[in-house]
Amino acid sequence: MRRAILCVVSLAALAGCHREPTFDERYAAARAKIDTTAREIEAQASGSAVPTAEEDDVGAAK
């Protein structure tokens, strides 16, 4: 019985462990986020962005 409990506890402990992302993985994620944000800003600056519902409400109030 003790062996079964020890086995279950050990498996639960291993299931809770996960590998931290590497520098390259974190860099790739950050770069993707920055690229997306940059594209959104460029679209807004060029006027080609589709206005959101929030922006439509602000424009209608003027």
PDB file of N, CA and C in Angstrom:
ATOM      1  N   MET A   1       0.825  -1.185   0.000  1.00  0.00           N
ATOM      2  CA  MET A   1       0.000   0.000   0.000  1.00  0.00           C
ATOM      3  C   MET A   1       0.874   1.255   0.000  1.00  0.00           C
ATOM      4  N   ARG A   2       1.912   1.241   0.815  1.00  0.00           N
ATOM      5  CA  ARG A   2       2.818   2.395   0.838  1.00  0.00           C
ATOM      6  C   ARG A   2       3.478   2.601  -0.515  1.00  0.00           C
ATOM      7  N   ARG A   3       3.817   1.507  -1.145  1.00  0.00           N
ATOM      8  CA  ARG A   3       4.485   1.591  -2.445  1.00  0.00           C
ATOM      9  C   ARG A   3       3.545   2.241  -3.470  1.00  0.00           C
ATOM     10  N   ALA A   4       2.270   1.900  -3.433  1.00  0.00           N
ATOM     11  CA  ALA A   4       1.299   2.473  -4.362  1.00  0.00           C
ATOM     12  C   ALA A   4       1.136   3.975  -4.105  1.00  0.00           C
ATOM     13  N   ILE A   5       1.063   4.343  -2.843  1.00  0.00           N
ATOM     14  CA  ILE A   5       0.925   5.764  -2.495  1.00  0.00           C
ATOM     15  C   ILE A   5       2.172   6.529  -2.933  1.00  0.00           C
ATOM     16  N   LEU A   6       3.339   5.966  -2.689  1.00  0.00           N
ATOM     17  CA  LEU A   6       4.588   6.602  -3.095  1.00  0.00           C
ATOM     18  C   LEU A   6       4.645   6.761  -4.609  1.00  0.00           C
ATOM     19  N   CYS A   7       4.182   5.762  -5.311  1.00  0.00           N
ATOM     20  CA  CYS A   7       4.182   5.805  -6.772  1.00  0.00           C
ATOM     21  C   CYS A   7       3.248   6.906  -7.279  1.00  0.00           C
ATOM     22  N   VAL A   8       2.064   7.009  -6.697  1.00  0.00           N
ATOM     23  CA  VAL A   8       1.100   8.033  -7.105  1.00  0.00           C
ATOM     24  C   VAL A   8       1.646   9.421  -6.797  1.00  0.00           C
ATOM     25  N   VAL A   9       2.225   9.603  -5.636  1.00  0.00           N
ATOM     26  CA  VAL A   9       2.788  10.895  -5.264  1.00  0.00           C
ATOM     27  C   VAL A   9       3.945  11.261  -6.196  1.00  0.00           C
ATOM     28  N   SER A  10       4.775  10.302  -6.534  1.00  0.00           N
ATOM     29  CA  SER A  10       5.906  10.554  -7.439  1.00  0.00           C
ATOM     30  C   SER A  10       5.412  10.953  -8.825  1.00  0.00           C
ATOM     31  N   LEU A  11       4.396  10.260  -9.325  1.00  0.00           N
ATOM     32  CA  LEU A  11       3.849  10.598 -10.639  1.00  0.00           C
ATOM     33  C   LEU A  11       3.204  11.980 -10.627  1.00  0.00           C
ATOM     34  N   ALA A  12       2.547  12.329  -9.552  1.00  0.00           N
ATOM     35  CA  ALA A  12       1.931  13.651  -9.443  1.00  0.00           C
ATOM     36  C   ALA A  12       3.006  14.736  -9.424  1.00  0.00           C
ATOM     37  N   ALA A  13       4.093  14.484  -8.747  1.00  0.00           N
ATOM     38  CA  ALA A  13       5.184  15.454  -8.689  1.00  0.00           C
ATOM     39  C   ALA A  13       5.815  15.632 -10.068  1.00  0.00           C
ATOM     40  N   LEU A  14       5.986  14.551 -10.799  1.00  0.00           N
ATOM     41  CA  LEU A  14       6.563  14.646 -12.137  1.00  0.00           C
ATOM     42  C   LEU A  14       5.614  15.347 -13.108  1.00  0.00           C
ATOM     43  N   ALA A  15       4.327  15.127 -12.930  1.00  0.00           N
ATOM     44  CA  ALA A  15       3.356  15.756 -13.825  1.00  0.00           C
ATOM     45  C   ALA A  15       3.349  17.271 -13.629  1.00  0.00           C
ATOM     46  N   GLY A  16       3.640  17.729 -12.434  1.00  0.00           N
ATOM     47  CA  GLY A  16       3.658  19.159 -12.154  1.00  0.00           C
ATOM     48  C   GLY A  16       4.881  19.864 -12.686  1.00  0.00           C
ATOM     49  N   CYS A  17       5.917  19.135 -12.997  1.00  0.00           N
ATOM     50  CA  CYS A  17       7.154  19.735 -13.506  1.00  0.00           C
ATOM     51  C   CYS A  17       7.038  19.944 -15.008  1.00  0.00           C
ATOM     52  N   HIS A  18       7.514  21.073 -15.458  1.00  0.00           N
ATOM     53  CA  HIS A  18       7.582  21.304 -16.890  1.00  0.00           C
ATOM     54  C   HIS A  18       8.843  22.096 -17.193  1.00  0.00           C
ATOM     55  N   ARG A  19       9.250  21.977 -18.427  1.00  0.00           N
ATOM     56  CA  ARG A  19      10.487  22.600 -18.867  1.00  0.00           C
ATOM     57  C   ARG A  19      10.252  24.080 -19.123  1.00  0.00           C
ATOM     58  N   GLU A  20      11.151  24.903 -18.655  1.00  0.00           N
ATOM     59  CA  GLU A  20      11.098  26.335 -18.918  1.00  0.00           C
ATOM     60  C   GLU A  20      11.474  26.576 -20.379  1.00  0.00           C
ATOM     61  N   PRO A  21      10.872  27.598 -21.014  1.00  0.00           N
ATOM     62  CA  PRO A  21      11.246  27.888 -22.403  1.00  0.00           C
ATOM     63  C   PRO A  21      12.692  28.373 -22.488  1.00  0.00           C
ATOM     64  N   THR A  22      13.335  28.018 -23.571  1.00  0.00           N
ATOM     65  CA  THR A  22      14.711  28.441 -23.787  1.00  0.00           C
ATOM     66  C   THR A  22      14.743  29.910 -24.179  1.00  0.00           C
ATOM     67  N   PHE A  23      15.918  30.476 -24.215  1.00  0.00           N
ATOM     68  CA  PHE A  23      16.071  31.866 -24.636  1.00  0.00           C
ATOM     69  C   PHE A  23      15.534  32.049 -26.047  1.00  0.00           C
ATOM     70  N   ASP A  24      15.872  31.120 -26.938  1.00  0.00           N
ATOM     71  CA  ASP A  24      15.422  31.232 -28.325  1.00  0.00           C
ATOM     72  C   ASP A  24      13.902  31.185 -28.433  1.00  0.00           C
ATOM     73  N   GLU A  25      13.260  30.352 -27.624  1.00  0.00           N
ATOM     74  CA  GLU A  25      11.797  30.278 -27.636  1.00  0.00           C
ATOM     75  C   GLU A  25      11.175  31.573 -27.116  1.00  0.00           C
ATOM     76  N   ARG A  26      11.734  32.106 -26.045  1.00  0.00           N
ATOM     77  CA  ARG A  26      11.223  33.371 -25.505  1.00  0.00           C
ATOM     78  C   ARG A  26      11.453  34.503 -26.492  1.00  0.00           C
ATOM     79  N   TYR A  27      12.618  34.509 -27.152  1.00  0.00           N
ATOM     80  CA  TYR A  27      12.946  35.545 -28.132  1.00  0.00           C
ATOM     81  C   TYR A  27      11.971  35.489 -29.308  1.00  0.00           C
ATOM     82  N   ALA A  28      11.693  34.290 -29.798  1.00  0.00           N
ATOM     83  CA  ALA A  28      10.785  34.130 -30.933  1.00  0.00           C
ATOM     84  C   ALA A  28       9.378  34.615 -30.574  1.00  0.00           C
ATOM     85  N   ALA A  29       8.926  34.317 -29.375  1.00  0.00           N
ATOM     86  CA  ALA A  29       7.597  34.759 -28.944  1.00  0.00           C
ATOM     87  C   ALA A  29       7.544  36.280 -28.819  1.00  0.00           C
ATOM     88  N   ALA A  30       8.576  36.861 -28.234  1.00  0.00           N
ATOM     89  CA  ALA A  30       8.615  38.313 -28.078  1.00  0.00           C
ATOM     90  C   ALA A  30       8.693  39.005 -29.436  1.00  0.00           C
ATOM     91  N   ARG A  31       9.479  38.456 -30.327  1.00  0.00           N
ATOM     92  CA  ARG A  31       9.614  39.050 -31.660  1.00  0.00           C
ATOM     93  C   ARG A  31       8.295  38.990 -32.423  1.00  0.00           C
ATOM     94  N   ALA A  32       7.588  37.877 -32.313  1.00  0.00           N
ATOM     95  CA  ALA A  32       6.295  37.751 -32.981  1.00  0.00           C
ATOM     96  C   ALA A  32       5.307  38.782 -32.442  1.00  0.00           C
ATOM     97  N   LYS A  33       5.314  38.981 -31.147  1.00  0.00           N
ATOM     98  CA  LYS A  33       4.409  39.967 -30.534  1.00  0.00           C
ATOM     99  C   LYS A  33       4.769  41.380 -30.986  1.00  0.00           C
ATOM    100  N   ILE A  34       6.053  41.683 -31.020  1.00  0.00           N
ATOM    101  CA  ILE A  34       6.507  43.007 -31.453  1.00  0.00           C
ATOM    102  C   ILE A  34       6.165  43.235 -32.917  1.00  0.00           C
ATOM    103  N   ASP A  35       6.369  42.226 -33.761  1.00  0.00           N
ATOM    104  CA  ASP A  35       6.046  42.358 -35.182  1.00  0.00           C
ATOM    105  C   ASP A  35       4.560  42.609 -35.393  1.00  0.00           C
ATOM    106  N   THR A  36       3.722  41.901 -34.645  1.00  0.00           N
ATOM    107  CA  THR A  36       2.276  42.093 -34.753  1.00  0.00           C
ATOM    108  C   THR A  36       1.893  43.502 -34.334  1.00  0.00           C
ATOM    109  N   THR A  37       2.434  43.954 -33.227  1.00  0.00           N
ATOM    110  CA  THR A  37       2.142  45.306 -32.746  1.00  0.00           C
ATOM    111  C   THR A  37       2.624  46.349 -33.744  1.00  0.00           C
ATOM    112  N   ALA A  38       3.790  46.143 -34.317  1.00  0.00           N
ATOM    113  CA  ALA A  38       4.334  47.095 -35.294  1.00  0.00           C
ATOM    114  C   ALA A  38       3.436  47.174 -36.526  1.00  0.00           C
ATOM    115  N   ARG A  39       2.952  46.021 -37.002  1.00  0.00           N
ATOM    116  CA  ARG A  39       2.056  46.016 -38.159  1.00  0.00           C
ATOM    117  C   ARG A  39       0.751  46.752 -37.849  1.00  0.00           C
ATOM    118  N   GLU A  40       0.226  46.563 -36.644  1.00  0.00           N
ATOM    119  CA  GLU A  40      -1.007  47.252 -36.249  1.00  0.00           C
ATOM    120  C   GLU A  40      -0.796  48.765 -36.201  1.00  0.00           C
ATOM    121  N   ILE A  41       0.328  49.184 -35.648  1.00  0.00           N
ATOM    122  CA  ILE A  41       0.630  50.618 -35.561  1.00  0.00           C
ATOM    123  C   ILE A  41       0.816  51.202 -36.957  1.00  0.00           C
ATOM    124  N   GLU A  42       1.517  50.502 -37.834  1.00  0.00           N
ATOM    125  CA  GLU A  42       1.720  50.985 -39.194  1.00  0.00           C
ATOM    126  C   GLU A  42       0.399  51.080 -39.949  1.00  0.00           C
ATOM    127  N   ALA A  43      -0.483  50.115 -39.733  1.00  0.00           N
ATOM    128  CA  ALA A  43      -1.788  50.142 -40.397  1.00  0.00           C
ATOM    129  C   ALA A  43      -2.604  51.337 -39.919  1.00  0.00           C
ATOM    130  N   GLN A  44      -2.560  51.605 -38.622  1.00  0.00           N
ATOM    131  CA  GLN A  44      -3.292  52.750 -38.087  1.00  0.00           C
ATOM    132  C   GLN A  44      -2.704  54.060 -38.585  1.00  0.00           C
ATOM    133  N   ALA A  45      -1.387  54.129 -38.674  1.00  0.00           N
ATOM    134  CA  ALA A  45      -0.730  55.354 -39.115  1.00  0.00           C
ATOM    135  C   ALA A  45      -1.002  55.636 -40.592  1.00  0.00           C
ATOM    136  N   SER A  46      -1.131  54.596 -41.388  1.00  0.00           N
ATOM    137  CA  SER A  46      -1.368  54.790 -42.813  1.00  0.00           C
ATOM    138  C   SER A  46      -2.846  54.991 -43.120  1.00  0.00           C
ATOM    139  N   GLY A  47      -3.700  54.781 -42.128  1.00  0.00           N
ATOM    140  CA  GLY A  47      -5.120  54.991 -42.331  1.00  0.00           C
ATOM    141  C   GLY A  47      -5.835  53.816 -42.957  1.00  0.00           C
ATOM    142  N   SER A  48      -5.167  52.704 -43.115  1.00  0.00           N
ATOM    143  CA  SER A  48      -5.785  51.540 -43.740  1.00  0.00           C
ATOM    144  C   SER A  48      -6.412  50.592 -42.733  1.00  0.00           C
ATOM    145  N   ALA A  49      -6.366  50.956 -41.477  1.00  0.00           N
ATOM    146  CA  ALA A  49      -6.927  50.084 -40.450  1.00  0.00           C
ATOM    147  C   ALA A  49      -8.447  50.191 -40.460  1.00  0.00           C
ATOM    148  N   VAL A  50      -9.091  49.090 -40.213  1.00  0.00           N
ATOM    149  CA  VAL A  50     -10.540  49.065 -40.109  1.00  0.00           C
ATOM    150  C   VAL A  50     -10.906  49.563 -38.726  1.00  0.00           C
ATOM    151  N   PRO A  51     -11.765  50.583 -38.632  1.00  0.00           N
ATOM    152  CA  PRO A  51     -12.113  51.101 -37.311  1.00  0.00           C
ATOM    153  C   PRO A  51     -12.888  50.073 -36.494  1.00  0.00           C
ATOM    154  N   THR A  52     -12.600  50.045 -35.223  1.00  0.00           N
ATOM    155  CA  THR A  52     -13.315  49.130 -34.343  1.00  0.00           C
ATOM    156  C   THR A  52     -14.624  49.762 -33.925  1.00  0.00           C
ATOM    157  N   ALA A  53     -15.491  49.002 -33.289  1.00  0.00           N
ATOM    158  CA  ALA A  53     -16.788  49.511 -32.832  1.00  0.00           C
ATOM    159  C   ALA A  53     -16.581  50.651 -31.847  1.00  0.00           C
ATOM    160  N   GLU A  54     -15.549  50.556 -31.006  1.00  0.00           N
ATOM    161  CA  GLU A  54     -15.261  51.610 -30.038  1.00  0.00           C
ATOM    162  C   GLU A  54     -14.908  52.915 -30.754  1.00  0.00           C
ATOM    163  N   GLU A  55     -14.121  52.825 -31.811  1.00  0.00           N
ATOM    164  CA  GLU A  55     -13.746  54.017 -32.570  1.00  0.00           C
ATOM    165  C   GLU A  55     -14.947  54.602 -33.302  1.00  0.00           C
ATOM    166  N   ASP A  56     -15.864  53.762 -33.779  1.00  0.00           N
ATOM    167  CA  ASP A  56     -17.067  54.243 -34.444  1.00  0.00           C
ATOM    168  C   ASP A  56     -17.939  55.035 -33.489  1.00  0.00           C
ATOM    169  N   ASP A  57     -18.065  54.576 -32.252  1.00  0.00           N
ATOM    170  CA  ASP A  57     -18.867  55.270 -31.252  1.00  0.00           C
ATOM    171  C   ASP A  57     -18.285  56.637 -30.935  1.00  0.00           C
ATOM    172  N   VAL A  58     -16.973  56.727 -30.868  1.00  0.00           N
ATOM    173  CA  VAL A  58     -16.313  57.998 -30.579  1.00  0.00           C
ATOM    174  C   VAL A  58     -16.528  58.973 -31.728  1.00  0.00           C
ATOM    175  N   GLY A  59     -16.438  58.496 -32.949  1.00  0.00           N
ATOM    176  CA  GLY A  59     -16.635  59.346 -34.110  1.00  0.00           C
ATOM    177  C   GLY A  59     -18.065  59.830 -34.237  1.00  0.00           C
ATOM    178  N   ALA A  60     -19.029  59.030 -33.827  1.00  0.00           N
ATOM    179  CA  ALA A  60     -20.436  59.408 -33.948  1.00  0.00           C
ATOM    180  C   ALA A  60     -20.814  60.483 -32.938  1.00  0.00           C
ATOM    181  N   ALA A  61     -20.083  60.567 -31.838  1.00  0.00           N
ATOM    182  CA  ALA A  61     -20.409  61.526 -30.788  1.00  0.00           C
ATOM    183  C   ALA A  61     -19.994  62.936 -31.155  1.00  0.00           C
ATOM    184  N   LYS A  62     -19.132  63.103 -32.128  1.00  0.00           N
ATOM    185  CA  LYS A  62     -18.620  64.429 -32.486  1.00  0.00           C
ATOM    186  C   LYS A  62     -19.647  65.254 -33.192  1.00  0.00           C
TER     187      LYS A  62
END
